[in-house]
């Protein structure tokens, strides 16, 4: 683990061991997620699933994940973080074994819902992601959280990039594993990353509980009311973002396949490169927030990403669409860490599990609706329309997001 300590010398916000381990766990977990973000929809297609059926499965899985997050996050504020994350890794082990063993509809549905396969979660712990984010928030000072969360997301994007490269393996496996069987070995990546996560988690102590300091009872109630109002506003804002993300994210590999008739050998490297560039951008955003402020950094990149989003479906060639996809990924997803820092900064430390849960669920529930509608539109031949609808939701989100955080400090200190 000395190499991890050397990493912390380059990134001082990783000076604490629990911060280093949580980031490493995210990176390991994201490798399997990256492979399945490319190949899971293609695997279902090889099993003769239709686009609406694929979209419906993604919808159900996302809704289950969002419901779980609403329960687990607030519980972790009072009952500790570690055992919830250990439970998640155990679920991943079981889901990957089921997917490896069978391709029956019942097995695929159960494994996909439990494992969150194909969602492109960037290494996040599914319904347990709020627990992980709340734990991570305790490992850095408020002024450093945007940088820490940006490093955390960069680790996720880097792992997903490696996974996306490995998503090309079915092209070679099909020599000995015909048809849909060629995709099955990829579930080993999920199994191995979950085992690695369990080993690392066992080396970490349970974090100390967060307590509200410095407020008397009456003042604490007033602060809580203010926080609740901001949380409700965040729910509405995130819903707009979730609707836009859901129309594109889970079905992106499928769109490339039906629009340009390319398979995982082409799509995997494109998504891998997009994730590498996004990881680099995430690290850059962590530094930009110190210089230009969190809000300015986020909005500038997201507005540029919106322009690229609208242009992407108009591209006549695969390589042109791929270039814009890479640019949009960097501009859009590169701000995830900074946005997470802002979202958790609107409440006190002992309520961050709740804030992370509400932020997660308010994005994931509307996001769950997107794949179904996108699948129906693709099935009907409208290959560009989902992008334009998503662009409208993204534009509304950016306007509302700016209004929500207009009176917040550029570097959250709560």
Protein backbone atom coordinates (compact mmCIF):
# COMPACT_ATOMS: atom_id res chain seq x y z
CA UNK A 1 0.00 0.00 0.00
CA UNK A 2 3.04 2.29 -0.08
CA UNK A 3 2.11 3.18 -3.66
CA UNK A 4 -1.18 4.57 -2.34
CA UNK A 5 0.74 6.78 0.09
CA UNK A 6 2.89 8.07 -2.76
CA UNK A 7 -0.30 8.96 -4.65
CA UNK A 8 -1.40 11.07 -1.68
CA UNK A 9 1.77 13.14 -2.01
CA UNK A 10 0.53 14.26 -5.45
CA UNK A 11 -3.07 14.67 -4.21
CA UNK A 12 -2.97 15.98 -0.60
CA UNK A 13 -6.72 15.46 -0.20
CA UNK A 14 -5.95 11.71 -0.22
CA UNK A 15 -3.72 11.95 2.85
CA UNK A 16 -6.18 9.94 4.96
CA UNK A 17 -6.21 6.18 4.54
CA UNK A 18 -10.01 5.88 4.36
CA UNK A 19 -10.08 8.44 1.52
CA UNK A 20 -7.43 6.49 -0.42
CA UNK A 21 -9.19 3.17 0.09
CA UNK A 22 -12.64 4.46 -0.84
CA UNK A 23 -11.25 5.96 -4.06
CA UNK A 24 -9.41 2.72 -4.84
CA UNK A 25 -12.57 0.66 -4.24
CA UNK A 26 -14.47 2.91 -6.62
CA UNK A 27 -11.79 2.47 -9.29
CA UNK A 28 -11.82 -1.32 -8.96
CA UNK A 29 -15.63 -1.50 -8.98
CA UNK A 30 -15.86 0.65 -12.09
CA UNK A 31 -13.89 -1.80 -14.27
CA UNK A 32 -16.74 -4.29 -14.40
CA UNK A 33 -19.28 -1.49 -14.70
CA UNK A 34 -17.41 -0.06 -17.68
CA UNK A 35 -17.42 -3.36 -19.54
CA UNK A 36 -21.14 -3.85 -18.96
CA UNK A 37 -21.98 -0.22 -19.82
CA UNK A 38 -20.82 -1.12 -23.33
CA UNK A 39 -21.86 -4.74 -23.58
CA UNK A 40 -24.86 -5.46 -21.38
CA UNK A 41 -27.42 -3.99 -23.80
CA UNK A 42 -25.60 -5.74 -26.65
CA UNK A 43 -25.68 -8.98 -24.64
CA UNK A 44 -29.44 -8.65 -24.24
CA UNK A 45 -29.75 -7.91 -27.94
CA UNK A 46 -27.80 -11.13 -28.68
CA UNK A 47 -30.32 -12.93 -26.44
CA UNK A 48 -33.08 -11.62 -28.78
CA UNK A 49 -34.38 -8.96 -26.40
CA UNK A 50 -36.06 -6.02 -28.15
CA UNK A 51 -35.17 -2.36 -27.53
CA UNK A 52 -38.35 -1.70 -25.47
CA UNK A 53 -37.64 -4.80 -23.36
CA UNK A 54 -34.07 -3.67 -22.73
CA UNK A 55 -35.28 -0.19 -21.81
CA UNK A 56 -37.91 -1.62 -19.46
CA UNK A 57 -35.31 -3.70 -17.62
CA UNK A 58 -33.09 -0.65 -17.17
CA UNK A 59 -36.10 1.29 -15.90
CA UNK A 60 -37.02 -1.30 -13.25
CA UNK A 61 -33.40 -1.67 -12.12
CA UNK A 62 -32.96 2.09 -11.77
CA UNK A 63 -36.22 2.44 -9.82
CA UNK A 64 -35.20 -0.33 -7.43
CA UNK A 65 -31.81 1.32 -6.97
CA UNK A 66 -33.40 4.70 -6.26
CA UNK A 67 -35.83 3.21 -3.74
CA UNK A 68 -32.98 1.44 -1.99
CA UNK A 69 -30.95 4.65 -1.81
CA UNK A 70 -33.82 6.48 -0.11
CA UNK A 71 -33.81 3.88 2.65
CA UNK A 72 -30.11 3.16 3.05
CA UNK A 73 -28.69 6.70 3.02
CA UNK A 74 -30.66 8.09 5.99
CA UNK A 75 -30.17 4.83 7.92
CA UNK A 76 -26.42 5.14 7.53
CA UNK A 77 -26.49 8.57 9.19
CA UNK A 78 -27.49 6.84 12.43
CA UNK A 79 -26.30 3.25 12.05
CA UNK A 80 -22.88 3.57 10.47
CA UNK A 81 -21.54 3.33 6.94
CA UNK A 82 -19.20 0.36 6.62
CA UNK A 83 -21.58 -2.59 6.96
CA UNK A 84 -23.88 -1.18 4.25
CA UNK A 85 -21.02 -1.08 1.77
CA UNK A 86 -19.89 -4.58 2.75
CA UNK A 87 -23.45 -5.75 2.06
CA UNK A 88 -23.39 -4.13 -1.36
CA UNK A 89 -20.20 -5.93 -2.38
CA UNK A 90 -21.69 -9.25 -1.25
CA UNK A 91 -24.76 -8.59 -3.40
CA UNK A 92 -22.43 -7.90 -6.35
CA UNK A 93 -20.68 -11.24 -5.84
CA UNK A 94 -24.02 -13.09 -5.85
CA UNK A 95 -25.38 -11.18 -8.88
CA UNK A 96 -22.26 -11.84 -10.94
CA UNK A 97 -22.39 -15.57 -10.15
CA UNK A 98 -26.04 -15.74 -11.24
CA UNK A 99 -25.25 -13.94 -14.51
CA UNK A 100 -22.28 -16.23 -15.16
CA UNK A 101 -24.35 -19.35 -14.55
CA UNK A 102 -27.47 -18.67 -16.62
CA UNK A 103 -28.96 -16.55 -19.39
CA UNK A 104 -32.58 -17.42 -18.61
CA UNK A 105 -34.83 -14.35 -18.47
CA UNK A 106 -35.45 -14.82 -14.75
CA UNK A 107 -31.74 -15.07 -13.97
CA UNK A 108 -30.82 -12.11 -16.17
CA UNK A 109 -33.55 -9.92 -14.68
CA UNK A 110 -32.64 -10.82 -11.09
CA UNK A 111 -28.91 -10.30 -11.65
CA UNK A 112 -29.40 -7.05 -13.57
CA UNK A 113 -31.64 -5.52 -10.91
CA UNK A 114 -29.44 -6.63 -8.00
CA UNK A 115 -26.16 -5.78 -9.72
CA UNK A 116 -27.19 -2.63 -11.57
CA UNK A 117 -25.67 -4.03 -14.77
CA UNK A 118 -25.28 -1.73 -17.76
CA UNK A 119 -26.12 1.56 -16.04
CA UNK A 120 -22.65 3.08 -16.29
CA UNK A 121 -22.54 4.05 -12.60
CA UNK A 122 -18.94 5.30 -12.79
CA UNK A 123 -17.92 3.03 -9.95
CA UNK A 124 -20.73 4.14 -7.65
CA UNK A 125 -22.21 1.63 -5.23
CA UNK A 126 -25.71 1.61 -6.72
CA UNK A 127 -28.35 2.17 -4.01
CA UNK A 128 -25.49 2.31 -1.49
CA UNK A 129 -23.72 5.19 -3.28
CA UNK A 130 -25.08 7.81 -0.82
CA UNK A 131 -23.41 5.90 2.02
CA UNK A 132 -20.08 5.97 0.21
CA UNK A 133 -20.34 9.67 -0.62
CA UNK A 134 -21.31 10.60 2.93
CA UNK A 135 -18.35 8.62 4.29
CA UNK A 136 -15.98 10.26 1.82
CA UNK A 137 -17.18 13.73 2.83
CA UNK A 138 -15.77 13.17 6.33
CA UNK A 139 -12.23 12.66 5.01
CA UNK A 140 -11.60 16.23 3.77
CA UNK A 141 -12.06 19.84 4.82
CA UNK A 142 -15.04 21.64 3.21
CA UNK A 143 -12.81 23.72 0.91
CA UNK A 144 -11.19 20.54 -0.44
CA UNK A 145 -14.30 18.46 -1.03
CA UNK A 146 -14.82 19.50 -4.67
CA UNK A 147 -11.24 18.42 -5.42
CA UNK A 148 -11.65 15.14 -3.51
CA UNK A 149 -14.93 14.26 -5.19
CA UNK A 150 -13.40 15.11 -8.57
CA UNK A 151 -10.51 12.72 -7.88
CA UNK A 152 -13.03 10.10 -6.78
CA UNK A 153 -15.01 10.41 -10.00
CA UNK A 154 -11.79 10.43 -12.03
CA UNK A 155 -10.92 7.06 -10.48
CA UNK A 156 -14.33 5.79 -11.52
CA UNK A 157 -13.98 7.05 -15.07
CA UNK A 158 -10.48 5.56 -15.34
CA UNK A 159 -11.70 2.14 -14.23
CA UNK A 160 -14.66 2.32 -16.57
CA UNK A 161 -12.29 3.20 -19.40
CA UNK A 162 -10.32 0.01 -18.75
CA UNK A 163 -13.59 -1.91 -18.58
CA UNK A 164 -14.71 -0.41 -21.88
CA UNK A 165 -11.52 -1.65 -23.53
CA UNK A 166 -12.16 -5.11 -22.09
CA UNK A 167 -15.68 -4.89 -23.55
CA UNK A 168 -14.07 -5.72 -26.90
CA UNK A 169 -13.29 -9.24 -25.63
CA UNK A 170 -16.59 -10.83 -26.83
CA UNK A 171 -15.39 -10.21 -30.39
CA UNK A 172 -12.54 -12.64 -29.67
CA UNK A 173 -14.43 -14.99 -27.34
CA UNK A 174 -16.98 -15.76 -30.07
CA UNK A 175 -14.42 -18.04 -31.70
CA UNK A 176 -14.96 -20.55 -28.89
CA UNK A 177 -18.16 -19.18 -27.29
CA UNK A 178 -20.87 -18.77 -29.94
CA UNK A 179 -23.55 -16.08 -29.88
CA UNK A 180 -24.53 -14.53 -26.57
CA UNK A 181 -22.18 -16.86 -24.68
CA UNK A 182 -19.24 -14.72 -25.81
CA UNK A 183 -20.44 -11.94 -23.47
CA UNK A 184 -20.75 -14.14 -20.38
CA UNK A 185 -17.08 -14.03 -19.19
CA UNK A 186 -17.39 -10.26 -18.63
CA UNK A 187 -19.37 -10.93 -15.44
CA UNK A 188 -16.11 -12.25 -13.98
CA UNK A 189 -14.92 -8.64 -13.85
CA UNK A 190 -17.84 -7.73 -11.60
CA UNK A 191 -17.09 -10.72 -9.36
CA UNK A 192 -13.38 -9.90 -9.02
CA UNK A 193 -13.94 -6.18 -8.36
CA UNK A 194 -16.52 -6.99 -5.66
CA UNK A 195 -14.08 -9.37 -3.96
CA UNK A 196 -11.37 -6.68 -4.10
CA UNK A 197 -13.78 -4.17 -2.58
CA UNK A 198 -14.62 -6.53 0.27
CA UNK A 199 -10.94 -7.06 1.08
CA UNK A 200 -10.25 -3.32 1.20
CA UNK A 201 -13.37 -2.52 3.23
CA UNK A 202 -12.37 -5.07 5.85
CA UNK A 203 -9.16 -3.10 6.40
CA UNK A 204 -11.07 0.10 7.26
CA UNK A 205 -12.60 0.90 10.66
CA UNK A 206 -16.16 2.17 10.91
CA UNK A 207 -16.05 6.00 10.59
CA UNK A 208 -16.93 7.98 13.68
CA UNK A 209 -20.55 9.23 13.76
CA UNK A 210 -21.13 12.86 12.76
CA UNK A 211 -22.73 15.09 15.38
CA UNK A 212 -24.36 18.49 15.00
CA UNK A 213 -22.13 20.92 16.93
CA UNK A 214 -22.60 24.58 17.63
CA UNK A 215 -26.42 24.92 17.52
CA UNK A 216 -28.93 25.07 20.36
CA UNK A 217 -32.24 23.25 19.92
CA UNK A 218 -34.19 26.20 18.51
CA UNK A 219 -31.40 27.25 16.17
CA UNK A 220 -30.96 23.64 15.01
CA UNK A 221 -34.65 23.46 14.07
CA UNK A 222 -34.34 26.66 12.02
CA UNK A 223 -31.25 25.35 10.24
CA UNK A 224 -33.02 22.06 9.56
CA UNK A 225 -35.98 23.87 7.98
CA UNK A 226 -33.61 25.82 5.72
CA UNK A 227 -31.82 22.64 4.75
CA UNK A 228 -35.11 20.86 4.03
CA UNK A 229 -36.21 23.69 1.76
CA UNK A 230 -32.97 23.46 -0.20
CA UNK A 231 -33.27 19.69 -0.42
CA UNK A 232 -36.75 19.99 -1.90
CA UNK A 233 -35.44 22.46 -4.46
CA UNK A 234 -32.61 20.06 -5.28
CA UNK A 235 -35.14 17.27 -5.91
CA UNK A 236 -36.84 19.25 -8.64
CA UNK A 237 -33.61 20.40 -10.25
CA UNK A 238 -32.12 16.89 -10.29
CA UNK A 239 -35.29 15.46 -11.81
CA UNK A 240 -34.70 17.55 -14.93
CA UNK A 241 -31.15 16.27 -15.16
CA UNK A 242 -32.27 12.67 -14.63
CA UNK A 243 -34.81 12.85 -17.44
CA UNK A 244 -32.11 14.05 -19.83
CA UNK A 245 -29.55 11.45 -18.73
CA UNK A 246 -32.00 8.55 -18.93
CA UNK A 247 -32.86 9.17 -22.55
CA UNK A 248 -29.23 8.67 -23.55
CA UNK A 249 -26.87 7.01 -21.07
CA UNK A 250 -27.99 3.37 -20.72
CA UNK A 251 -28.88 3.06 -24.43
CA UNK A 252 -25.86 4.81 -25.93
CA UNK A 253 -24.03 1.65 -27.01
CA UNK A 254 -27.29 0.38 -28.49
CA UNK A 255 -27.69 3.66 -30.43
CA UNK A 256 -24.21 3.35 -31.93
CA UNK A 257 -25.00 -0.25 -32.92
CA UNK A 258 -28.26 0.49 -34.73
CA UNK A 259 -27.25 3.89 -36.14
CA UNK A 260 -23.89 2.91 -37.63
CA UNK A 261 -24.03 -0.93 -37.49
CA UNK A 262 -20.91 -1.22 -35.32
CA UNK A 263 -20.29 -3.80 -32.58
CA UNK A 264 -18.31 -3.92 -29.33
CA UNK A 265 -14.97 -4.00 -31.16
CA UNK A 266 -15.62 -0.40 -32.31
CA UNK A 267 -17.92 0.90 -29.60
CA UNK A 268 -15.81 -0.30 -26.65
CA UNK A 269 -12.65 1.68 -27.53
CA UNK A 270 -14.72 4.82 -28.21
CA UNK A 271 -16.34 4.65 -24.79
CA UNK A 272 -12.98 3.85 -23.24
CA UNK A 273 -11.38 6.92 -24.77
CA UNK A 274 -14.35 9.03 -23.68
CA UNK A 275 -13.88 7.85 -20.11
CA UNK A 276 -10.12 8.48 -20.12
CA UNK A 277 -10.68 12.03 -21.34
CA UNK A 278 -13.45 12.47 -18.77
CA UNK A 279 -11.17 11.25 -15.97
CA UNK A 280 -8.55 13.82 -16.97
CA UNK A 281 -11.21 16.50 -17.16
CA UNK A 282 -12.47 15.57 -13.67
CA UNK A 283 -9.00 16.13 -12.25
CA UNK A 284 -8.80 19.47 -14.06
CA UNK A 285 -12.18 20.53 -12.67
CA UNK A 286 -10.96 19.76 -9.16
CA UNK A 287 -8.22 22.37 -9.65
CA UNK A 288 -10.42 24.83 -11.56
CA UNK A 289 -12.89 25.04 -8.68
CA UNK A 290 -10.16 26.49 -6.45
CA UNK A 291 -9.33 29.13 -9.06
CA UNK A 292 -12.67 30.06 -10.62
CA UNK A 293 -15.19 28.72 -8.12
CA UNK A 294 -17.41 25.64 -8.22
CA UNK A 295 -20.44 27.16 -9.94
CA UNK A 296 -18.56 28.91 -12.74
CA UNK A 297 -16.57 25.75 -13.51
CA UNK A 298 -19.70 23.59 -13.60
CA UNK A 299 -21.89 25.88 -15.69
CA UNK A 300 -19.26 26.73 -18.30
CA UNK A 301 -18.57 23.08 -19.03
CA UNK A 302 -22.21 21.99 -18.94
CA UNK A 303 -23.35 24.69 -21.38
CA UNK A 304 -20.62 23.63 -23.82
CA UNK A 305 -21.70 20.02 -23.34
CA UNK A 306 -25.29 20.95 -24.19
CA UNK A 307 -24.22 22.36 -27.56
CA UNK A 308 -22.30 19.18 -28.35
CA UNK A 309 -25.28 17.03 -27.31
CA UNK A 310 -27.59 18.67 -29.86
CA UNK A 311 -25.03 18.27 -32.66
CA UNK A 312 -24.16 14.63 -31.94
CA UNK A 313 -27.13 12.82 -33.60
CA UNK A 314 -26.69 14.92 -36.75
CA UNK A 315 -23.27 13.43 -37.52
CA UNK A 316 -23.27 11.32 -40.72
CA UNK A 317 -20.30 9.09 -39.86
CA UNK A 318 -19.39 6.88 -36.90
CA UNK A 319 -16.06 8.58 -36.23
CA UNK A 320 -17.65 12.03 -36.20
CA UNK A 321 -20.36 10.96 -33.75
CA UNK A 322 -17.70 9.22 -31.66
CA UNK A 323 -15.62 12.41 -31.40
CA UNK A 324 -18.62 14.43 -30.23
CA UNK A 325 -19.59 11.69 -27.78
CA UNK A 326 -16.10 11.88 -26.27
CA UNK A 327 -16.30 15.68 -26.02
CA UNK A 328 -19.75 15.62 -24.46
CA UNK A 329 -18.69 13.00 -21.91
CA UNK A 330 -15.75 15.13 -20.79
CA UNK A 331 -17.78 18.34 -20.57
CA UNK A 332 -20.85 16.82 -18.95
CA UNK A 333 -19.60 14.07 -16.68
CA UNK A 334 -16.33 15.80 -15.83
CA UNK A 335 -18.29 18.04 -13.43
CA UNK A 336 -19.84 15.18 -11.42
CA UNK A 337 -17.44 15.50 -8.48
CA UNK A 338 -17.89 19.24 -8.15
CA UNK A 339 -21.67 18.87 -8.28
CA UNK A 340 -21.60 16.17 -5.60
CA UNK A 341 -19.61 18.49 -3.34
CA UNK A 342 -22.20 21.25 -3.80
CA UNK A 343 -25.13 18.89 -3.23
CA UNK A 344 -23.78 17.54 0.04
CA UNK A 345 -22.69 21.02 1.12
CA UNK A 346 -26.26 22.22 1.58
CA UNK A 347 -26.69 20.23 4.80
CA UNK A 348 -24.70 19.63 8.00
CA UNK A 349 -22.39 16.64 8.36
CA UNK A 350 -24.83 14.41 10.28
CA UNK A 351 -27.43 14.67 7.47
CA UNK A 352 -25.21 13.96 4.46
CA UNK A 353 -26.47 10.41 4.04
CA UNK A 354 -29.98 11.83 3.69
CA UNK A 355 -28.81 14.54 1.26
CA UNK A 356 -26.90 12.06 -0.87
CA UNK A 357 -29.90 9.70 -0.92
CA UNK A 358 -32.33 12.38 -2.01
CA UNK A 359 -29.91 13.68 -4.61
CA UNK A 360 -29.40 10.15 -5.94
CA UNK A 361 -33.08 9.19 -5.98
CA UNK A 362 -34.24 12.48 -7.51
CA UNK A 363 -31.90 11.80 -10.43
CA UNK A 364 -32.39 8.04 -10.72
CA UNK A 365 -36.19 7.88 -10.62
CA UNK A 366 -36.74 10.17 -13.64
CA UNK A 367 -33.63 8.66 -15.24
CA UNK A 368 -35.36 5.28 -15.04
CA UNK A 369 -38.11 6.49 -17.36
CA UNK A 370 -35.69 7.51 -20.10
CA UNK A 371 -34.55 4.10 -21.42
CA UNK A 372 -38.13 2.97 -22.01
CA UNK A 373 -39.02 6.03 -24.07
CA UNK A 374 -35.68 5.98 -25.86
CA UNK A 375 -36.18 2.29 -26.68
CA UNK A 376 -39.64 2.95 -28.08
CA UNK A 377 -38.38 5.87 -30.18
CA UNK A 378 -35.43 3.86 -31.51
CA UNK A 379 -37.74 0.95 -32.31
CA UNK A 380 -39.96 3.36 -34.28
CA UNK A 381 -36.95 4.71 -36.21
CA UNK A 382 -36.58 8.09 -34.46
CA UNK A 383 -32.85 7.90 -33.79
CA UNK A 384 -32.20 11.62 -33.26
CA UNK A 385 -35.30 12.66 -31.31
CA UNK A 386 -34.17 11.35 -27.90
CA UNK A 387 -31.08 13.58 -28.12
CA UNK A 388 -33.12 16.71 -28.79
CA UNK A 389 -35.59 15.94 -25.99
CA UNK A 390 -32.67 15.29 -23.63
CA UNK A 391 -31.16 18.62 -24.67
CA UNK A 392 -34.32 20.42 -23.65
CA UNK A 393 -34.29 18.84 -20.20
CA UNK A 394 -30.58 19.58 -19.80
CA UNK A 395 -31.10 23.26 -20.68
CA UNK A 396 -33.90 23.58 -18.13
CA UNK A 397 -31.73 21.85 -15.54
CA UNK A 398 -28.85 24.28 -15.99
CA UNK A 399 -31.09 27.32 -15.58
CA UNK A 400 -32.69 25.87 -12.44
CA UNK A 401 -29.36 24.68 -11.02
CA UNK A 402 -27.89 28.15 -11.28
CA UNK A 403 -30.88 29.66 -9.50
CA UNK A 404 -30.70 27.07 -6.71
CA UNK A 405 -27.04 27.71 -5.91
CA UNK A 406 -26.92 31.40 -6.82
CA UNK A 407 -26.62 32.50 -3.19
CA UNK A 408 -24.31 29.69 -2.11
CA UNK A 409 -20.57 30.22 -1.58
CA UNK A 410 -18.53 29.13 -4.62
CA UNK A 411 -16.61 26.75 -2.37
CA UNK A 412 -19.10 25.05 -0.02
CA UNK A 413 -18.16 25.33 3.61
CA UNK A 414 -21.04 23.65 5.40
